[in-house]
Protein backbone atom coordinates (compact mmCIF):
# COMPACT_ATOMS: atom_id res chain seq x y z
CA MET A 1 80.92 -176.82 93.94
CA ASP A 2 79.89 -177.24 97.55
CA ALA A 3 77.86 -174.63 99.47
CA ALA A 4 80.90 -173.23 101.31
CA CYS A 5 82.81 -172.70 98.04
CA ARG A 6 79.78 -171.03 96.43
CA LEU A 7 79.44 -168.72 99.45
CA ARG A 8 83.16 -167.79 99.35
CA TRP A 9 82.96 -167.17 95.59
CA SER A 10 79.79 -165.09 96.02
CA LEU A 11 81.37 -163.00 98.80
CA HIS A 12 84.52 -162.48 96.71
CA ALA A 13 82.48 -161.47 93.66
CA THR A 14 80.40 -159.06 95.77
CA GLU A 15 83.54 -157.56 97.32
CA THR A 16 85.18 -157.17 93.91
CA THR A 17 82.06 -155.52 92.50
CA THR A 18 81.88 -153.15 95.46
CA MET A 19 85.59 -152.31 95.19
CA ASP A 20 85.26 -151.75 91.45
CA HIS A 21 82.26 -149.53 92.11
CA ASN A 22 84.21 -147.59 94.73
CA LEU A 23 87.16 -147.07 92.39
CA GLN A 24 84.82 -146.12 89.55
CA ARG A 25 83.09 -143.57 91.78
CA TYR A 26 86.41 -142.18 93.07
CA LEU A 27 87.85 -141.71 89.58
CA ASN A 28 84.57 -140.24 88.32
CA ASP A 29 84.49 -137.80 91.25
CA HIS A 30 87.93 -136.54 90.23
CA LEU A 31 86.89 -136.43 86.58
CA ALA A 32 83.85 -134.31 87.51
CA GLY A 33 86.03 -132.03 89.64
CA SER A 34 88.42 -131.55 86.74
CA ALA A 35 85.52 -130.49 84.50
CA GLY A 36 84.63 -127.78 87.01
CA ALA A 37 88.27 -126.75 87.31
CA ILE A 38 88.60 -126.37 83.54
CA ARG A 39 85.59 -124.07 83.40
CA LEU A 40 86.99 -121.93 86.20
CA ILE A 41 90.51 -121.85 84.71
CA ASP A 42 89.05 -120.86 81.36
CA GLU A 43 87.15 -118.00 83.00
CA LEU A 44 90.26 -116.81 84.83
CA ALA A 45 92.34 -116.92 81.64
CA THR A 46 89.92 -114.56 79.91
CA ARG A 47 90.02 -112.04 82.78
CA GLN A 48 93.77 -111.51 82.96
CA ASP A 49 95.37 -108.21 81.96
CA ASP A 50 98.90 -109.65 82.02
CA PRO A 51 99.65 -111.86 78.97
CA ALA A 52 101.98 -114.02 81.11
CA GLU A 53 99.09 -114.77 83.49
CA THR A 54 96.79 -115.56 80.58
CA ALA A 55 99.43 -117.97 79.26
CA PHE A 56 99.78 -119.54 82.74
CA PHE A 57 96.05 -120.29 82.94
CA GLU A 58 95.88 -121.53 79.34
CA SER A 59 98.79 -123.89 80.03
CA LEU A 60 97.17 -125.09 83.26
CA LYS A 61 93.92 -125.73 81.40
CA ALA A 62 95.77 -127.90 78.85
CA GLU A 63 97.43 -129.84 81.69
CA VAL A 64 94.10 -130.45 83.44
CA GLU A 65 92.56 -131.56 80.13
CA GLY A 66 95.45 -134.04 79.88
CA ASP A 67 94.63 -135.27 83.38
CA GLN A 68 91.02 -135.77 82.31
CA GLU A 69 92.14 -137.98 79.43
CA ARG A 70 94.39 -139.89 81.81
CA LEU A 71 91.44 -140.49 84.17
CA ARG A 72 89.32 -141.69 81.26
CA HIS A 73 92.12 -144.07 80.27
CA LEU A 74 92.38 -145.38 83.85
CA LEU A 75 88.65 -146.02 83.96
CA ALA A 76 88.55 -147.73 80.56
CA SER A 77 91.66 -149.85 81.09
CA ALA A 78 90.28 -151.14 84.41
CA GLY A 79 86.98 -152.01 82.72
CA LEU A 80 85.11 -149.22 84.52
CA GLU A 81 82.71 -146.65 83.12
CA GLU A 82 82.55 -142.90 83.02
CA SER A 83 79.55 -141.45 84.84
CA ALA A 84 77.53 -138.91 82.87
CA ALA A 85 75.54 -138.10 86.02
CA LEU A 86 78.67 -137.21 87.99
CA GLN A 87 79.95 -135.16 85.04
CA ALA A 88 76.69 -133.20 85.00
CA THR A 89 76.84 -132.73 88.77
CA GLY A 90 80.41 -131.44 88.50
CA LYS A 91 79.40 -128.94 85.84
CA LEU A 92 76.38 -127.82 87.87
CA THR A 93 78.52 -127.33 90.97
CA ALA A 94 81.09 -125.39 88.93
CA SER A 95 78.34 -123.14 87.55
CA ALA A 96 76.99 -122.42 91.04
CA SER A 97 80.49 -121.67 92.31
CA LYS A 98 81.16 -119.43 89.33
CA LEU A 99 78.05 -117.36 90.11
CA LYS A 100 79.27 -116.80 93.66
CA LEU A 101 82.75 -115.88 92.46
CA LEU A 102 81.38 -113.53 89.81
CA TRP A 103 79.39 -111.83 92.56
CA GLU A 104 82.62 -111.31 94.51
CA GLY A 105 84.50 -110.24 91.38
CA LEU A 106 86.99 -112.24 89.32
CA LYS A 107 89.40 -109.45 88.50
CA PRO A 108 92.82 -109.13 90.16
CA GLY A 109 92.47 -107.59 93.62
CA GLU A 110 88.87 -108.75 94.08
CA LEU A 111 87.75 -111.34 96.63
CA GLY A 112 86.33 -113.65 93.96
CA MET A 113 89.73 -113.90 92.27
CA PHE A 114 91.38 -114.87 95.55
CA GLU A 115 88.66 -117.43 96.32
CA ALA A 116 88.86 -118.88 92.81
CA LEU A 117 92.61 -119.35 93.19
CA GLU A 118 92.06 -120.93 96.60
CA MET A 119 89.51 -123.37 95.12
CA LEU A 120 91.95 -124.32 92.38
CA THR A 121 94.82 -124.73 94.85
CA LEU A 122 92.68 -127.11 96.92
CA GLY A 123 91.60 -128.97 93.80
CA ILE A 124 95.17 -129.43 92.64
CA GLN A 125 96.14 -130.70 96.09
CA GLY A 126 93.24 -133.17 95.79
CA LYS A 127 94.63 -134.28 92.43
CA ARG A 128 98.02 -134.82 94.05
CA LEU A 129 96.39 -137.03 96.67
CA LEU A 130 94.57 -138.92 93.89
CA TRP A 131 97.89 -139.78 92.23
CA VAL A 132 99.37 -140.85 95.59
CA MET A 133 96.43 -143.18 96.23
CA LEU A 134 96.51 -144.63 92.73
CA MET A 135 100.26 -145.24 93.09
CA GLU A 136 99.42 -147.20 96.25
CA ILE A 137 96.81 -149.42 94.58
CA ALA A 138 98.49 -149.66 91.15
CA PRO A 139 100.03 -153.09 91.84
CA ALA A 140 96.49 -154.52 91.82
CA TYR A 141 95.92 -153.02 88.35
CA PRO A 142 98.62 -154.32 85.98
CA GLU A 143 96.82 -152.51 83.16
CA TRP A 144 98.18 -149.29 84.71
CA ASP A 145 101.84 -150.38 84.59
CA GLU A 146 102.79 -147.76 82.00
CA ILE A 147 101.56 -144.86 84.15
CA ASP A 148 104.16 -143.06 86.28
CA PHE A 149 102.06 -141.95 89.24
CA ALA A 150 105.12 -140.56 91.05
CA GLU A 151 105.78 -138.21 88.12
CA LEU A 152 102.11 -137.20 88.09
CA GLU A 153 102.34 -136.40 91.79
CA LEU A 154 105.40 -134.19 91.20
CA GLU A 155 103.57 -132.37 88.41
CA ALA A 156 100.61 -131.76 90.73
CA ILE A 157 102.99 -130.38 93.36
CA ARG A 158 104.48 -128.01 90.78
CA GLN A 159 101.01 -126.86 89.73
CA ARG A 160 99.88 -126.42 93.33
CA ASP A 161 102.96 -124.37 94.23
CA ALA A 162 102.50 -122.09 91.21
CA MET A 163 98.83 -121.62 92.10
CA GLU A 164 99.69 -121.03 95.76
CA GLU A 165 102.03 -118.16 94.82
CA ARG A 166 99.16 -116.51 92.98
CA ARG A 167 96.71 -117.24 95.80
CA ILE A 168 98.96 -115.54 98.36
CA LEU A 169 99.50 -112.50 96.12
CA HIS A 170 95.79 -112.07 95.42
CA GLY A 171 94.95 -112.72 99.07
CA ARG A 172 97.13 -109.81 100.10
CA GLU A 173 95.48 -107.61 97.47
CA SER A 174 91.91 -108.56 98.32
CA LEU A 175 92.03 -109.06 102.10
CA ILE A 176 94.12 -106.05 103.15
CA ASP A 177 92.72 -102.61 102.37
CA SER A 178 95.01 -100.20 100.52
CA GLU A 179 95.66 -98.06 103.62
CA ARG A 180 96.88 -101.02 105.67
CA ARG A 181 98.81 -102.39 102.70
CA THR A 182 100.62 -99.05 102.33
CA ALA A 183 101.35 -98.87 106.08
CA THR A 184 102.65 -102.45 106.09
CA THR A 185 104.86 -101.77 103.06
CA SER A 186 106.25 -98.58 104.64
CA VAL A 187 107.08 -100.37 107.91
CA ALA A 188 108.67 -103.32 106.09
CA ARG A 189 111.14 -101.06 104.29
């Protein structure tokens, strides 16, 4: 192999390693975010007075756990590794966020509940964007052929819309005092 061929091969190998590292980091970032989301969803499920809301959060938790398994499968099938350090960072960040939200209050009508729902809505939108990006690069990963990224995107949209409904409701309850809320309701009728 001449020097020019060795250089081209070396540059290609370096680029591939960097790209693999970037994909590994990207998938691990989303995996870490999902770990934090599960902890928050679990907390919200335990604080609901309405059994239908408890069931909603328990179902969402199961769906996010399924997404975690899917991310682990994507990593493994592409020959990439899960990052324990990023998992720990995600859990630490979730714990810090939870403390702030607990301070604000995680019961319906409290600011912390609204902010928790907003965080989850943003996280679900991020998951939607993850699936869109993976759909874009999937042709380079034939080992992902069996995964329907378009269906995963639609599921994320459904989850985001359901969370957004709750976010808006709790935003009204926590950001408008009862006197203004009553005046607005009276005028609207």
